[in-house]
Amino acid sequence: MRIRKKTVSLMLFVLAVLVMPRASLAHCQIPCGIYDDHARVMSMLEDVETVKKSVTEMMALVDKTDLQSKQQFVRWVNNKEMHAQKIIATISDYFLTQRVKPSQKDYAERLAKHHAVILLSMKAKQTADLNVVEQLGAAVQALEAYYPEHEHEH
């Protein structure tokens, strides 16, 4: 009986701790120190280069009519879509949820610059225009100022 009473008491304590409201000190979705913001920007720039390579390869294949060329064309389209979407995910799932905060003095500017990357990534998915890809690269590069190498802002 005593063991049962202790078990019930322990279960009630755990439940109370889980249910009770408490202040959260965490600001990241996972513990700090794991992600390198600058490395994420560099990864997005690599994605931009992959989108550019995909568009260039698509242009080289556009007039070919053999089945292998058509198949390769589709693969380049899929590759372009995947890397543009990866940029969108990085901005929305990481930077906009964890690094762009209303408490920042330049919040509106940061928000606009991050949003520009999302919009240009969407346009890169919709088109095969190297000019759009260049604009996307410039928009991602504009974020570098916010995320210098080896700095993690809390």
Protein backbone atom coordinates (compact mmCIF):
# COMPACT_ATOMS: atom_id res chain seq x y z
CA MET A 1 0.00 0.00 0.00
CA ARG A 2 2.84 2.37 0.83
CA ILE A 3 4.48 1.83 -2.56
CA ARG A 4 1.21 2.52 -4.29
CA LYS A 5 0.74 5.77 -2.33
CA LYS A 6 4.26 6.90 -3.21
CA THR A 7 3.73 6.04 -6.87
CA VAL A 8 0.47 7.97 -7.01
CA SER A 9 2.09 10.93 -5.25
CA LEU A 10 5.00 10.89 -7.67
CA MET A 11 2.68 10.69 -10.66
CA LEU A 12 0.62 13.62 -9.37
CA PHE A 13 3.78 15.67 -8.82
CA VAL A 14 5.03 14.97 -12.36
CA LEU A 15 1.63 15.81 -13.80
CA ALA A 16 1.50 19.06 -11.82
CA VAL A 17 4.95 20.06 -13.05
CA LEU A 18 3.98 19.35 -16.64
CA VAL A 19 0.65 21.15 -16.48
CA MET A 20 1.52 24.17 -14.35
CA PRO A 21 2.32 27.35 -16.28
CA ARG A 22 5.90 28.47 -15.93
CA ALA A 23 8.18 31.06 -17.43
CA SER A 24 10.23 29.81 -20.32
CA LEU A 25 13.79 31.00 -20.56
CA ALA A 26 14.52 29.17 -23.79
CA HIS A 27 14.41 31.15 -27.02
CA CYS A 28 15.61 28.52 -29.47
CA GLN A 29 13.66 25.50 -30.56
CA ILE A 30 16.65 23.45 -29.47
CA PRO A 31 19.58 24.30 -27.17
CA CYS A 32 21.88 27.14 -28.19
CA GLY A 33 25.27 26.53 -29.67
CA ILE A 34 24.20 23.85 -32.10
CA TYR A 35 23.55 26.01 -35.14
CA ASP A 36 25.93 28.40 -36.79
CA ASP A 37 23.88 31.23 -38.32
CA HIS A 38 26.67 32.23 -40.69
CA ALA A 39 27.01 28.64 -41.89
CA ARG A 40 23.28 28.60 -42.65
CA VAL A 41 23.66 31.72 -44.80
CA MET A 42 26.59 30.07 -46.59
CA SER A 43 24.45 26.97 -47.12
CA MET A 44 21.72 29.11 -48.68
CA LEU A 45 24.31 30.69 -50.99
CA GLU A 46 25.31 27.17 -52.01
CA ASP A 47 21.64 26.44 -52.70
CA VAL A 48 21.51 29.56 -54.88
CA GLU A 49 24.50 28.28 -56.86
CA THR A 50 22.75 24.95 -57.28
CA VAL A 51 19.61 26.70 -58.56
CA LYS A 52 21.81 28.66 -60.99
CA LYS A 53 23.53 25.48 -62.21
CA SER A 54 20.14 23.82 -62.64
CA VAL A 55 18.79 26.69 -64.76
CA THR A 56 21.97 26.72 -66.86
CA GLU A 57 21.71 22.98 -67.49
CA MET A 58 18.01 23.29 -68.32
CA MET A 59 18.86 25.94 -70.92
CA ALA A 60 21.42 23.62 -72.48
CA LEU A 61 18.87 20.80 -72.72
CA VAL A 62 15.76 22.73 -73.76
CA ASP A 63 16.09 22.12 -77.52
CA LYS A 64 17.08 18.46 -77.28
CA THR A 65 14.37 15.97 -78.12
CA ASP A 66 15.91 12.62 -77.20
CA LEU A 67 14.41 10.79 -74.25
CA GLN A 68 17.60 10.90 -72.15
CA SER A 69 17.82 14.70 -72.50
CA LYS A 70 14.17 15.10 -71.55
CA GLN A 71 14.69 12.90 -68.53
CA GLN A 72 17.76 14.89 -67.50
CA PHE A 73 15.84 18.14 -68.02
CA VAL A 74 13.19 16.95 -65.56
CA ARG A 75 15.88 16.06 -63.04
CA TRP A 76 17.35 19.58 -63.28
CA VAL A 77 13.89 21.11 -62.82
CA ASN A 78 13.36 18.96 -59.71
CA ASN A 79 16.80 19.93 -58.43
CA LYS A 80 16.06 23.64 -58.91
CA GLU A 81 12.74 23.29 -57.09
CA MET A 82 14.27 21.37 -54.20
CA HIS A 83 17.07 23.87 -53.54
CA ALA A 84 14.79 26.90 -53.85
CA GLN A 85 12.41 25.26 -51.38
CA LYS A 86 15.31 24.50 -49.07
CA ILE A 87 16.09 28.24 -48.94
CA ILE A 88 12.45 29.03 -48.15
CA ALA A 89 12.48 26.46 -45.35
CA THR A 90 15.71 27.80 -43.87
CA ILE A 91 14.38 31.35 -43.80
CA SER A 92 10.93 30.50 -42.46
CA ASP A 93 11.70 27.56 -40.18
CA TYR A 94 14.91 28.90 -38.72
CA PHE A 95 15.61 32.60 -39.22
CA LEU A 96 12.07 33.98 -38.99
CA THR A 97 11.18 31.80 -36.01
CA GLN A 98 14.39 32.18 -34.04
CA ARG A 99 16.53 35.07 -35.22
CA VAL A 100 14.25 37.87 -36.45
CA LYS A 101 12.55 39.29 -33.35
CA PRO A 102 10.16 42.20 -32.81
CA SER A 103 12.47 43.43 -30.03
CA GLN A 104 15.22 44.22 -32.54
CA LYS A 105 15.61 47.91 -33.39
CA ASP A 106 15.80 47.11 -37.11
CA TYR A 107 13.04 44.50 -37.02
CA ALA A 108 11.09 45.85 -40.02
CA GLU A 109 14.24 46.00 -42.13
CA ARG A 110 15.31 42.47 -41.15
CA LEU A 111 11.83 41.13 -41.77
CA ALA A 112 11.69 42.74 -45.21
CA LYS A 113 15.11 41.37 -46.20
CA HIS A 114 14.28 37.85 -45.06
CA HIS A 115 10.91 38.02 -46.80
CA ALA A 116 12.63 39.16 -50.00
CA VAL A 117 14.66 35.93 -49.97
CA ILE A 118 11.45 33.89 -49.66
CA LEU A 119 9.77 35.77 -52.51
CA LEU A 120 12.77 35.44 -54.82
CA SER A 121 13.07 31.75 -53.99
CA MET A 122 9.44 31.33 -54.96
CA LYS A 123 10.11 33.17 -58.23
CA ALA A 124 13.13 30.94 -58.84
CA LYS A 125 10.84 27.94 -58.49
CA GLN A 126 8.30 29.43 -60.91
CA THR A 127 10.75 30.47 -63.61
CA ALA A 128 13.99 29.52 -65.30
CA ASP A 129 15.33 33.07 -65.31
CA LEU A 130 18.98 33.58 -64.39
CA ASN A 131 18.23 37.22 -63.55
CA VAL A 132 15.89 36.05 -60.77
CA VAL A 133 18.59 33.67 -59.51
CA GLU A 134 21.11 36.55 -59.42
CA GLN A 135 18.63 38.67 -57.45
CA LEU A 136 18.12 35.75 -55.08
CA GLY A 137 21.87 35.46 -54.55
CA ALA A 138 22.12 39.18 -53.79
CA ALA A 139 19.19 38.95 -51.35
CA VAL A 140 20.82 36.07 -49.47
CA GLN A 141 24.15 37.91 -49.42
CA ALA A 142 22.39 40.91 -47.88
CA LEU A 143 21.64 38.73 -44.84
CA GLU A 144 25.34 38.11 -44.16
CA ALA A 145 25.58 41.44 -42.31
CA TYR A 146 23.15 40.12 -39.69
CA TYR A 147 24.96 36.83 -39.20
CA PRO A 148 28.73 37.33 -39.05
CA GLU A 149 30.96 34.32 -38.83
CA HIS A 150 31.12 32.63 -35.38
CA GLU A 151 28.57 34.79 -33.65
CA HIS A 152 25.41 33.53 -31.97
CA GLU A 153 23.01 36.25 -30.82
CA HIS A 154 20.80 35.37 -27.85
